[in-house]
C-alpha cells in the first residue's frame, strides 16, 4: 500500500481543490471537503492504474513529511521564514 500526501485548498467561489504533489497533474475538486477527499482518492486510483498500464514506477510519500511554512516580509527587509512546530511525519 502506498501513502500519498494531499493538499486541500478552499476556493474563493466555494468548494475545495485537492492536489497530490508526488503525482504531477493529479488534481481534483469537491463542493465539500469530504467530496474533495473522495474525488482525489478516485483520481489517485486512476493515476496509479495509468502508471501500471504503462509499466512506470508508482511513487509514494512514505518517507516524506508535511509542515507549514509562514513567511513574514516587511517593506525593505529580507523575508524571514518560520516553520511551524506541527510537522506531521508519514506513517
C-alpha atoms as a PDB file:
ATOM      1  CA  UNK A   1       0.000   0.000   0.000  1.00  0.00           C
ATOM      2  CA  UNK A   2       1.305   3.459  -0.910  1.00  0.00           C
ATOM      3  CA  UNK A   3       0.868   6.638   1.095  1.00  0.00           C
ATOM      4  CA  UNK A   4       0.179   9.954  -0.639  1.00  0.00           C
ATOM      5  CA  UNK A   5       0.051  13.470   0.774  1.00  0.00           C
ATOM      6  CA  UNK A   6      -2.874  15.542  -0.472  1.00  0.00           C
ATOM      7  CA  UNK A   7      -3.220  19.298  -0.110  1.00  0.00           C
ATOM      8  CA  UNK A   8      -6.718  20.750   0.162  1.00  0.00           C
ATOM      9  CA  UNK A   9      -7.325  24.413  -0.625  1.00  0.00           C
ATOM     10  CA  UNK A  10     -10.608  26.254  -0.026  1.00  0.00           C
ATOM     11  CA  UNK A  11     -11.624  28.091  -3.195  1.00  0.00           C
ATOM     12  CA  UNK A  12     -13.000  31.667  -3.115  1.00  0.00           C
ATOM     13  CA  UNK A  13     -16.090  30.658  -5.103  1.00  0.00           C
ATOM     14  CA  UNK A  14     -16.708  27.728  -2.748  1.00  0.00           C
ATOM     15  CA  UNK A  15     -15.610  24.145  -2.627  1.00  0.00           C
ATOM     16  CA  UNK A  16     -12.147  22.651  -2.308  1.00  0.00           C
ATOM     17  CA  UNK A  17      -9.353  21.834  -4.721  1.00  0.00           C
ATOM     18  CA  UNK A  18      -7.159  18.850  -3.845  1.00  0.00           C
ATOM     19  CA  UNK A  19      -3.712  18.148  -5.272  1.00  0.00           C
ATOM     20  CA  UNK A  20      -1.192  15.350  -4.790  1.00  0.00           C
ATOM     21  CA  UNK A  21       2.303  16.826  -5.211  1.00  0.00           C
ATOM     22  CA  UNK A  22       4.045  13.486  -5.808  1.00  0.00           C
ATOM     23  CA  UNK A  23       1.689  12.743  -8.728  1.00  0.00           C
ATOM     24  CA  UNK A  24       2.105  15.650 -11.189  1.00  0.00           C
ATOM     25  CA  UNK A  25      -1.238  16.734 -12.603  1.00  0.00           C
ATOM     26  CA  UNK A  26      -3.268  14.777 -10.045  1.00  0.00           C
ATOM     27  CA  UNK A  27      -5.839  17.425  -9.125  1.00  0.00           C
ATOM     28  CA  UNK A  28      -9.489  17.208  -8.168  1.00  0.00           C
ATOM     29  CA  UNK A  29     -12.317  19.345  -6.788  1.00  0.00           C
ATOM     30  CA  UNK A  30     -15.290  18.833  -4.487  1.00  0.00           C
ATOM     31  CA  UNK A  31     -18.089  21.057  -3.226  1.00  0.00           C
ATOM     32  CA  UNK A  32     -17.383  19.869   0.327  1.00  0.00           C
ATOM     33  CA  UNK A  33     -14.189  18.722   1.996  1.00  0.00           C
ATOM     34  CA  UNK A  34     -15.451  15.141   2.187  1.00  0.00           C
ATOM     35  CA  UNK A  35     -16.415  15.188  -1.501  1.00  0.00           C
ATOM     36  CA  UNK A  36     -12.985  16.610  -2.402  1.00  0.00           C
ATOM     37  CA  UNK A  37     -11.369  13.773  -0.444  1.00  0.00           C
ATOM     38  CA  UNK A  38     -13.454  11.134  -2.263  1.00  0.00           C
ATOM     39  CA  UNK A  39     -12.667  12.728  -5.611  1.00  0.00           C
ATOM     40  CA  UNK A  40      -8.899  12.903  -5.013  1.00  0.00           C
ATOM     41  CA  UNK A  41      -8.902   9.269  -3.846  1.00  0.00           C
ATOM     42  CA  UNK A  42     -10.530   8.327  -7.178  1.00  0.00           C
ATOM     43  CA  UNK A  43      -8.015  10.489  -9.072  1.00  0.00           C
ATOM     44  CA  UNK A  44      -5.104   8.806  -7.267  1.00  0.00           C
ATOM     45  CA  UNK A  45      -6.503   5.379  -8.152  1.00  0.00           C
ATOM     46  CA  UNK A  46      -6.851   6.313 -11.821  1.00  0.00           C
ATOM     47  CA  UNK A  47      -3.365   7.834 -11.869  1.00  0.00           C
ATOM     48  CA  UNK A  48      -1.825   4.683 -10.390  1.00  0.00           C
ATOM     49  CA  UNK A  49      -3.741   2.493 -12.853  1.00  0.00           C
ATOM     50  CA  UNK A  50      -2.313   4.535 -15.737  1.00  0.00           C
ATOM     51  CA  UNK A  51       1.226   4.272 -14.358  1.00  0.00           C
ATOM     52  CA  UNK A  52       0.892   0.494 -14.043  1.00  0.00           C
ATOM     53  CA  UNK A  53      -0.633   0.172 -17.521  1.00  0.00           C
ATOM     54  CA  UNK A  54       2.393   1.983 -18.951  1.00  0.00           C
ATOM     55  CA  UNK A  55       4.776  -0.030 -16.728  1.00  0.00           C
ATOM     56  CA  UNK A  56       6.007   3.084 -14.943  1.00  0.00           C
ATOM     57  CA  UNK A  57       7.021   3.154 -11.267  1.00  0.00           C
ATOM     58  CA  UNK A  58       4.441   4.253  -8.704  1.00  0.00           C
ATOM     59  CA  UNK A  59       5.857   6.917  -6.376  1.00  0.00           C
ATOM     60  CA  UNK A  60       4.691   7.391  -2.804  1.00  0.00           C
ATOM     61  CA  UNK A  61       5.127   9.758   0.097  1.00  0.00           C
ATOM     62  CA  UNK A  62       6.052   7.005   2.577  1.00  0.00           C
ATOM     63  CA  UNK A  63       9.303   8.747   3.505  1.00  0.00           C
ATOM     64  CA  UNK A  64       8.176  12.369   3.352  1.00  0.00           C
ATOM     65  CA  UNK A  65       6.623  14.666   5.928  1.00  0.00           C
ATOM     66  CA  UNK A  66       4.390  17.707   5.787  1.00  0.00           C
ATOM     67  CA  UNK A  67       4.801  21.013   7.579  1.00  0.00           C
ATOM     68  CA  UNK A  68       3.529  24.561   7.172  1.00  0.00           C
ATOM     69  CA  UNK A  69       5.876  27.434   6.472  1.00  0.00           C
ATOM     70  CA  UNK A  70       4.977  31.014   7.381  1.00  0.00           C
ATOM     71  CA  UNK A  71       6.884  33.754   5.592  1.00  0.00           C
ATOM     72  CA  UNK A  72       6.881  37.218   7.112  1.00  0.00           C
ATOM     73  CA  UNK A  73       8.045  40.077   4.933  1.00  0.00           C
ATOM     74  CA  UNK A  74       8.451  43.749   5.667  1.00  0.00           C
ATOM     75  CA  UNK A  75       8.975  46.503   3.174  1.00  0.00           C
ATOM     76  CA  UNK A  76      12.673  46.923   2.520  1.00  0.00           C
ATOM     77  CA  UNK A  77      13.786  43.892   4.549  1.00  0.00           C
ATOM     78  CA  UNK A  78      14.625  40.301   3.827  1.00  0.00           C
ATOM     79  CA  UNK A  79      11.969  37.652   4.280  1.00  0.00           C
ATOM     80  CA  UNK A  80      12.029  35.649   7.495  1.00  0.00           C
ATOM     81  CA  UNK A  81      10.851  32.077   7.368  1.00  0.00           C
ATOM     82  CA  UNK A  82       9.297  30.334  10.343  1.00  0.00           C
ATOM     83  CA  UNK A  83       8.399  26.651  10.288  1.00  0.00           C
ATOM     84  CA  UNK A  84       5.502  25.655  12.481  1.00  0.00           C
ATOM     85  CA  UNK A  85       6.148  23.152  15.238  1.00  0.00           C
ATOM     86  CA  UNK A  86       3.432  20.811  13.976  1.00  0.00           C
ATOM     87  CA  UNK A  87       5.222  18.699  11.410  1.00  0.00           C
ATOM     88  CA  UNK A  88       3.390  15.503  10.534  1.00  0.00           C
ATOM     89  CA  UNK A  89       5.555  12.533   9.658  1.00  0.00           C
ATOM     90  CA  UNK A  90       4.165   9.932   7.302  1.00  0.00           C
ATOM     91  CA  UNK A  91       3.461   6.593   8.947  1.00  0.00           C
END
